[in-house]
PDB file of all heavy atoms in Angstrom:
ATOM      1  N   GLU A   1       0.845  -1.199  -0.015  1.00  0.00           N
ATOM      2  CA  GLU A   1      -0.016   0.008   0.005  1.00  0.00           C
ATOM      3  C   GLU A   1       0.884   1.239   0.021  1.00  0.00           C
ATOM      4  O   GLU A   1       0.547   2.269  -0.665  1.00  0.00           O
ATOM      5  CB  GLU A   1      -0.923   0.033   1.195  1.00  0.00           C
ATOM      6  CG  GLU A   1      -2.140  -0.957   1.112  1.00  0.00           C
ATOM      7  CD  GLU A   1      -1.762  -2.395   1.455  1.00  0.00           C
ATOM      8  OE1 GLU A   1      -0.661  -2.638   2.003  1.00  0.00           O
ATOM      9  OE2 GLU A   1      -2.556  -3.283   1.139  1.00  0.00           O
ATOM     10  N   GLU A   2       1.926   1.198   0.696  1.00  0.00           N
ATOM     11  CA  GLU A   2       2.873   2.361   0.738  1.00  0.00           C
ATOM     12  C   GLU A   2       3.530   2.554  -0.661  1.00  0.00           C
ATOM     13  O   GLU A   2       3.704   3.688  -1.089  1.00  0.00           O
ATOM     14  CB  GLU A   2       3.964   2.204   1.836  1.00  0.00           C
ATOM     15  CG  GLU A   2       3.404   2.216   3.257  1.00  0.00           C
ATOM     16  CD  GLU A   2       2.719   3.535   3.611  1.00  0.00           C
ATOM     17  OE1 GLU A   2       3.264   4.608   3.199  1.00  0.00           O
ATOM     18  OE2 GLU A   2       1.736   3.494   4.291  1.00  0.00           O
ATOM     19  N   VAL A   3       3.905   1.479  -1.263  1.00  0.00           N
ATOM     20  CA  VAL A   3       4.496   1.507  -2.587  1.00  0.00           C
ATOM     21  C   VAL A   3       3.495   2.211  -3.596  1.00  0.00           C
ATOM     22  O   VAL A   3       3.857   3.087  -4.367  1.00  0.00           O
ATOM     23  CB  VAL A   3       4.952   0.151  -3.103  1.00  0.00           C
ATOM     24  CG1 VAL A   3       5.331   0.159  -4.565  1.00  0.00           C
ATOM     25  CG2 VAL A   3       6.084  -0.417  -2.225  1.00  0.00           C
ATOM     26  N   MET A   4       2.263   1.694  -3.533  1.00  0.00           N
ATOM     27  CA  MET A   4       1.237   2.257  -4.429  1.00  0.00           C
ATOM     28  C   MET A   4       0.994   3.751  -4.153  1.00  0.00           C
ATOM     29  O   MET A   4       0.779   4.510  -5.064  1.00  0.00           O
ATOM     30  CB  MET A   4      -0.046   1.445  -4.318  1.00  0.00           C
ATOM     31  CG  MET A   4       0.123   0.034  -4.917  1.00  0.00           C
ATOM     32  SD  MET A   4      -1.350  -0.956  -4.946  1.00  0.00           S
ATOM     33  CE  MET A   4      -1.497  -1.462  -3.231  1.00  0.00           C
ATOM     34  N   LYS A   5       0.972   4.144  -2.848  1.00  0.00           N
ATOM     35  CA  LYS A   5       0.705   5.512  -2.489  1.00  0.00           C
ATOM     36  C   LYS A   5       1.813   6.431  -3.095  1.00  0.00           C
ATOM     37  O   LYS A   5       1.514   7.435  -3.734  1.00  0.00           O
ATOM     38  CB  LYS A   5       0.648   5.693  -1.023  1.00  0.00           C
ATOM     39  CG  LYS A   5       0.440   7.115  -0.567  1.00  0.00           C
ATOM     40  CD  LYS A   5       0.200   7.234   0.936  1.00  0.00           C
ATOM     41  CE  LYS A   5       1.455   7.595   1.660  1.00  0.00           C
ATOM     42  NZ  LYS A   5       1.280   7.832   3.048  1.00  0.00           N
ATOM     43  N   ILE A   6       3.057   6.058  -2.898  1.00  0.00           N
ATOM     44  CA  ILE A   6       4.191   6.886  -3.371  1.00  0.00           C
ATOM     45  C   ILE A   6       4.201   6.907  -4.911  1.00  0.00           C
ATOM     46  O   ILE A   6       4.418   7.944  -5.532  1.00  0.00           O
ATOM     47  CB  ILE A   6       5.532   6.412  -2.823  1.00  0.00           C
ATOM     48  CG1 ILE A   6       5.495   6.474  -1.265  1.00  0.00           C
ATOM     49  CG2 ILE A   6       6.676   7.201  -3.358  1.00  0.00           C
ATOM     50  CD1 ILE A   6       5.074   7.817  -0.693  1.00  0.00           C
ATOM     51  N   ASN A   7       3.963   5.727  -5.512  1.00  0.00           N
ATOM     52  CA  ASN A   7       3.904   5.710  -6.961  1.00  0.00           C
ATOM     53  C   ASN A   7       2.813   6.638  -7.527  1.00  0.00           C
ATOM     54  O   ASN A   7       2.944   7.215  -8.583  1.00  0.00           O
ATOM     55  CB  ASN A   7       3.679   4.274  -7.459  1.00  0.00           C
ATOM     56  CG  ASN A   7       3.678   4.218  -8.971  1.00  0.00           C
ATOM     57  OD1 ASN A   7       4.653   4.537  -9.609  1.00  0.00           O
ATOM     58  ND2 ASN A   7       2.564   3.811  -9.532  1.00  0.00           N
ATOM     59  N   GLY A   8       1.728   6.752  -6.818  1.00  0.00           N
ATOM     60  CA  GLY A   8       0.652   7.586  -7.249  1.00  0.00           C
ATOM     61  C   GLY A   8       0.804   9.072  -7.010  1.00  0.00           C
ATOM     62  O   GLY A   8      -0.001   9.859  -7.547  1.00  0.00           O
ATOM     63  N   THR A   9       1.870   9.494  -6.313  1.00  0.00           N
ATOM     64  CA  THR A   9       1.981  10.893  -6.004  1.00  0.00           C
ATOM     65  C   THR A   9       3.277  11.534  -6.469  1.00  0.00           C
ATOM     66  O   THR A   9       3.303  12.766  -6.718  1.00  0.00           O
ATOM     67  CB  THR A   9       1.921  11.181  -4.487  1.00  0.00           C
ATOM     68  OG1 THR A   9       3.008  10.548  -3.816  1.00  0.00           O
ATOM     69  CG2 THR A   9       0.581  10.714  -3.919  1.00  0.00           C
ATOM     70  N   TYR A  10       4.364  10.804  -6.600  1.00  0.00           N
ATOM     71  CA  TYR A  10       5.658  11.462  -6.823  1.00  0.00           C
ATOM     72  C   TYR A  10       5.719  12.242  -8.103  1.00  0.00           C
ATOM     73  O   TYR A  10       6.339  13.290  -8.115  1.00  0.00           O
ATOM     74  CB  TYR A  10       6.809  10.520  -6.631  1.00  0.00           C
ATOM     75  CG  TYR A  10       7.174   9.572  -7.864  1.00  0.00           C
ATOM     76  CD1 TYR A  10       8.094  10.077  -8.785  1.00  0.00           C
ATOM     77  CD2 TYR A  10       6.585   8.367  -8.037  1.00  0.00           C
ATOM     78  CE1 TYR A  10       8.464   9.284  -9.885  1.00  0.00           C
ATOM     79  CE2 TYR A  10       6.901   7.568  -9.135  1.00  0.00           C
ATOM     80  CZ  TYR A  10       7.874   8.074 -10.065  1.00  0.00           C
ATOM     81  OH  TYR A  10       8.202   7.256 -11.119  1.00  0.00           O
ATOM     82  N   ARG A  11       5.116  11.754  -9.159  1.00  0.00           N
ATOM     83  CA  ARG A  11       5.212  12.449 -10.468  1.00  0.00           C
ATOM     84  C   ARG A  11       4.176  13.583 -10.549  1.00  0.00           C
ATOM     85  O   ARG A  11       4.496  14.751 -10.803  1.00  0.00           O
ATOM     86  CB  ARG A  11       5.012  11.475 -11.649  1.00  0.00           C
ATOM     87  CG  ARG A  11       6.113  10.543 -11.922  1.00  0.00           C
ATOM     88  CD  ARG A  11       5.771   9.648 -13.114  1.00  0.00           C
ATOM     89  NE  ARG A  11       4.474   9.009 -12.870  1.00  0.00           N
ATOM     90  CZ  ARG A  11       4.324   7.772 -12.359  1.00  0.00           C
ATOM     91  NH1 ARG A  11       5.369   7.088 -11.977  1.00  0.00           N
ATOM     92  NH2 ARG A  11       3.111   7.246 -12.189  1.00  0.00           N
ATOM     93  N   ASP A  12       2.937  13.175 -10.382  1.00  0.00           N
ATOM     94  CA  ASP A  12       1.786  14.078 -10.699  1.00  0.00           C
ATOM     95  C   ASP A  12       1.583  15.154  -9.640  1.00  0.00           C
ATOM     96  O   ASP A  12       1.189  16.244  -9.993  1.00  0.00           O
ATOM     97  CB  ASP A  12       0.526  13.281 -10.940  1.00  0.00           C
ATOM     98  CG  ASP A  12       0.643  12.345 -12.155  1.00  0.00           C
ATOM     99  OD1 ASP A  12       1.436  12.656 -13.043  1.00  0.00           O
ATOM    100  OD2 ASP A  12      -0.026  11.280 -12.136  1.00  0.00           O
ATOM    101  N   ILE A  13       1.752  14.816  -8.401  1.00  0.00           N
ATOM    102  CA  ILE A  13       1.533  15.806  -7.356  1.00  0.00           C
ATOM    103  C   ILE A  13       2.761  16.590  -6.959  1.00  0.00           C
ATOM    104  O   ILE A  13       2.733  17.827  -6.806  1.00  0.00           O
ATOM    105  CB  ILE A  13       0.889  15.117  -6.092  1.00  0.00           C
ATOM    106  CG1 ILE A  13      -0.499  14.620  -6.459  1.00  0.00           C
ATOM    107  CG2 ILE A  13       0.868  16.043  -4.904  1.00  0.00           C
ATOM    108  CD1 ILE A  13      -1.195  13.879  -5.351  1.00  0.00           C
ATOM    109  N   HIS A  14       3.925  15.865  -6.909  1.00  0.00           N
ATOM    110  CA  HIS A  14       5.141  16.561  -6.493  1.00  0.00           C
ATOM    111  C   HIS A  14       6.118  16.903  -7.564  1.00  0.00           C
ATOM    112  O   HIS A  14       7.219  17.448  -7.315  1.00  0.00           O
ATOM    113  CB  HIS A  14       5.854  15.692  -5.434  1.00  0.00           C
ATOM    114  CG  HIS A  14       5.006  15.452  -4.210  1.00  0.00           C
ATOM    115  ND1 HIS A  14       4.645  16.449  -3.330  1.00  0.00           N
ATOM    116  CD2 HIS A  14       4.409  14.311  -3.739  1.00  0.00           C
ATOM    117  CE1 HIS A  14       3.890  15.915  -2.393  1.00  0.00           C
ATOM    118  NE2 HIS A  14       3.701  14.645  -2.574  1.00  0.00           N
ATOM    119  N   ASN A  15       5.779  16.506  -8.826  1.00  0.00           N
ATOM    120  CA  ASN A  15       6.621  16.890  -9.982  1.00  0.00           C
ATOM    121  C   ASN A  15       8.050  16.382  -9.856  1.00  0.00           C
ATOM    122  O   ASN A  15       8.986  17.129 -10.113  1.00  0.00           O
ATOM    123  CB  ASN A  15       6.590  18.392 -10.204  1.00  0.00           C
ATOM    124  CG  ASN A  15       5.236  18.922 -10.490  1.00  0.00           C
ATOM    125  OD1 ASN A  15       4.514  18.381 -11.349  1.00  0.00           O
ATOM    126  ND2 ASN A  15       4.825  19.922  -9.749  1.00  0.00           N
ATOM    127  N   CYS A  16       8.178  15.153  -9.451  1.00  0.00           N
ATOM    128  CA  CYS A  16       9.499  14.555  -9.293  1.00  0.00           C
ATOM    129  C   CYS A  16       9.742  13.541 -10.412  1.00  0.00           C
ATOM    130  O   CYS A  16       8.824  12.961 -10.943  1.00  0.00           O
ATOM    131  CB  CYS A  16       9.616  13.830  -7.957  1.00  0.00           C
ATOM    132  SG  CYS A  16       9.556  14.982  -6.533  1.00  0.00           S
ATOM    133  N   VAL A  17      11.045  13.293 -10.734  1.00  0.00           N
ATOM    134  CA  VAL A  17      11.386  12.344 -11.748  1.00  0.00           C
ATOM    135  C   VAL A  17      11.595  10.943 -11.182  1.00  0.00           C
ATOM    136  O   VAL A  17      11.621   9.951 -11.915  1.00  0.00           O
ATOM    137  CB  VAL A  17      12.686  12.757 -12.506  1.00  0.00           C
ATOM    138  CG1 VAL A  17      12.418  14.078 -13.250  1.00  0.00           C
ATOM    139  CG2 VAL A  17      13.880  12.800 -11.619  1.00  0.00           C
ATOM    140  N   GLY A  18      11.746  10.859  -9.874  1.00  0.00           N
ATOM    141  CA  GLY A  18      11.898   9.526  -9.231  1.00  0.00           C
ATOM    142  C   GLY A  18      11.569   9.641  -7.745  1.00  0.00           C
ATOM    143  O   GLY A  18      11.423  10.718  -7.197  1.00  0.00           O
ATOM    144  N   ALA A  19      11.505   8.452  -7.138  1.00  0.00           N
ATOM    145  CA  ALA A  19      11.145   8.425  -5.706  1.00  0.00           C
ATOM    146  C   ALA A  19      11.764   7.187  -5.052  1.00  0.00           C
ATOM    147  O   ALA A  19      12.009   6.183  -5.689  1.00  0.00           O
ATOM    148  CB  ALA A  19       9.622   8.386  -5.575  1.00  0.00           C
ATOM    149  N   ALA A  20      11.911   7.275  -3.765  1.00  0.00           N
ATOM    150  CA  ALA A  20      12.421   6.162  -2.975  1.00  0.00           C
ATOM    151  C   ALA A  20      11.653   6.101  -1.649  1.00  0.00           C
ATOM    152  O   ALA A  20      11.268   7.165  -1.112  1.00  0.00           O
ATOM    153  CB  ALA A  20      13.898   6.309  -2.706  1.00  0.00           C
ATOM    154  N   ILE A  21      11.470   4.878  -1.180  1.00  0.00           N
ATOM    155  CA  ILE A  21      10.948   4.663   0.172  1.00  0.00           C
ATOM    156  C   ILE A  21      12.131   4.151   0.968  1.00  0.00           C
ATOM    157  O   ILE A  21      12.727   3.159   0.567  1.00  0.00           O
ATOM    158  CB  ILE A  21       9.772   3.697   0.185  1.00  0.00           C
ATOM    159  CG1 ILE A  21       8.649   4.184  -0.709  1.00  0.00           C
ATOM    160  CG2 ILE A  21       9.297   3.509   1.639  1.00  0.00           C
ATOM    161  CD1 ILE A  21       7.471   3.182  -0.830  1.00  0.00           C
ATOM    162  N   ILE A  22      12.460   4.810   2.046  1.00  0.00           N
ATOM    163  CA  ILE A  22      13.586   4.458   2.898  1.00  0.00           C
ATOM    164  C   ILE A  22      13.058   4.051   4.211  1.00  0.00           C
ATOM    165  O   ILE A  22      12.362   4.822   4.885  1.00  0.00           O
ATOM    166  CB  ILE A  22      14.533   5.672   2.969  1.00  0.00           C
ATOM    167  CG1 ILE A  22      15.001   6.093   1.590  1.00  0.00           C
ATOM    168  CG2 ILE A  22      15.717   5.339   3.907  1.00  0.00           C
ATOM    169  CD1 ILE A  22      15.635   7.469   1.530  1.00  0.00           C
ATOM    170  N   THR A  23      13.400   2.866   4.660  1.00  0.00           N
ATOM    171  CA  THR A  23      12.906   2.370   5.975  1.00  0.00           C
ATOM    172  C   THR A  23      14.104   1.862   6.804  1.00  0.00           C
ATOM    173  O   THR A  23      15.108   1.383   6.242  1.00  0.00           O
ATOM    174  CB  THR A  23      11.900   1.253   5.758  1.00  0.00           C
ATOM    175  OG1 THR A  23      11.377   0.891   7.074  1.00  0.00           O
ATOM    176  CG2 THR A  23      12.449   0.026   5.035  1.00  0.00           C
ATOM    177  N   THR A  24      13.904   1.938   8.085  1.00  0.00           N
ATOM    178  CA  THR A  24      14.867   1.324   8.981  1.00  0.00           C
ATOM    179  C   THR A  24      14.610  -0.193   9.120  1.00  0.00           C
ATOM    180  O   THR A  24      15.466  -0.927   9.678  1.00  0.00           O
ATOM    181  CB  THR A  24      14.694   1.945  10.394  1.00  0.00           C
ATOM    182  OG1 THR A  24      13.342   1.877  10.779  1.00  0.00           O
ATOM    183  CG2 THR A  24      15.174   3.371  10.390  1.00  0.00           C
ATOM    184  N   SER A  25      13.521  -0.651   8.639  1.00  0.00           N
ATOM    185  CA  SER A  25      13.196  -2.087   8.723  1.00  0.00           C
ATOM    186  C   SER A  25      13.343  -2.778   7.347  1.00  0.00           C
ATOM    187  O   SER A  25      14.427  -2.833   6.820  1.00  0.00           O
ATOM    188  CB  SER A  25      11.801  -2.307   9.323  1.00  0.00           C
ATOM    189  OG  SER A  25      10.769  -1.713   8.479  1.00  0.00           O
ATOM    190  N   ALA A  26      12.261  -3.290   6.837  1.00  0.00           N
ATOM    191  CA  ALA A  26      12.286  -4.051   5.562  1.00  0.00           C
ATOM    192  C   ALA A  26      10.974  -3.904   4.818  1.00  0.00           C
ATOM    193  O   ALA A  26      10.062  -3.214   5.335  1.00  0.00           O
ATOM    194  CB  ALA A  26      12.539  -5.542   5.850  1.00  0.00           C
ATOM    195  N   PHE A  27      10.838  -4.490   3.677  1.00  0.00           N
ATOM    196  CA  PHE A  27       9.622  -4.443   2.859  1.00  0.00           C
ATOM    197  C   PHE A  27       9.002  -5.838   2.827  1.00  0.00           C
ATOM    198  O   PHE A  27       9.705  -6.854   2.833  1.00  0.00           O
ATOM    199  CB  PHE A  27       9.954  -3.975   1.433  1.00  0.00           C
ATOM    200  CG  PHE A  27      10.417  -2.519   1.401  1.00  0.00           C
ATOM    201  CD1 PHE A  27      11.786  -2.297   1.533  1.00  0.00           C
ATOM    202  CD2 PHE A  27       9.562  -1.463   1.271  1.00  0.00           C
ATOM    203  CE1 PHE A  27      12.264  -0.971   1.546  1.00  0.00           C
ATOM    204  CE2 PHE A  27       9.988  -0.198   1.243  1.00  0.00           C
ATOM    205  CZ  PHE A  27      11.366   0.074   1.387  1.00  0.00           C
TER     206      PHE A  27
END
């Protein structure tokens, strides 16, 4: 769900060319 959320916002809402999810744990 977190992956889908970030994928849905990084380009269209934040005008970014790429994105990363950084965690202290794992996926």
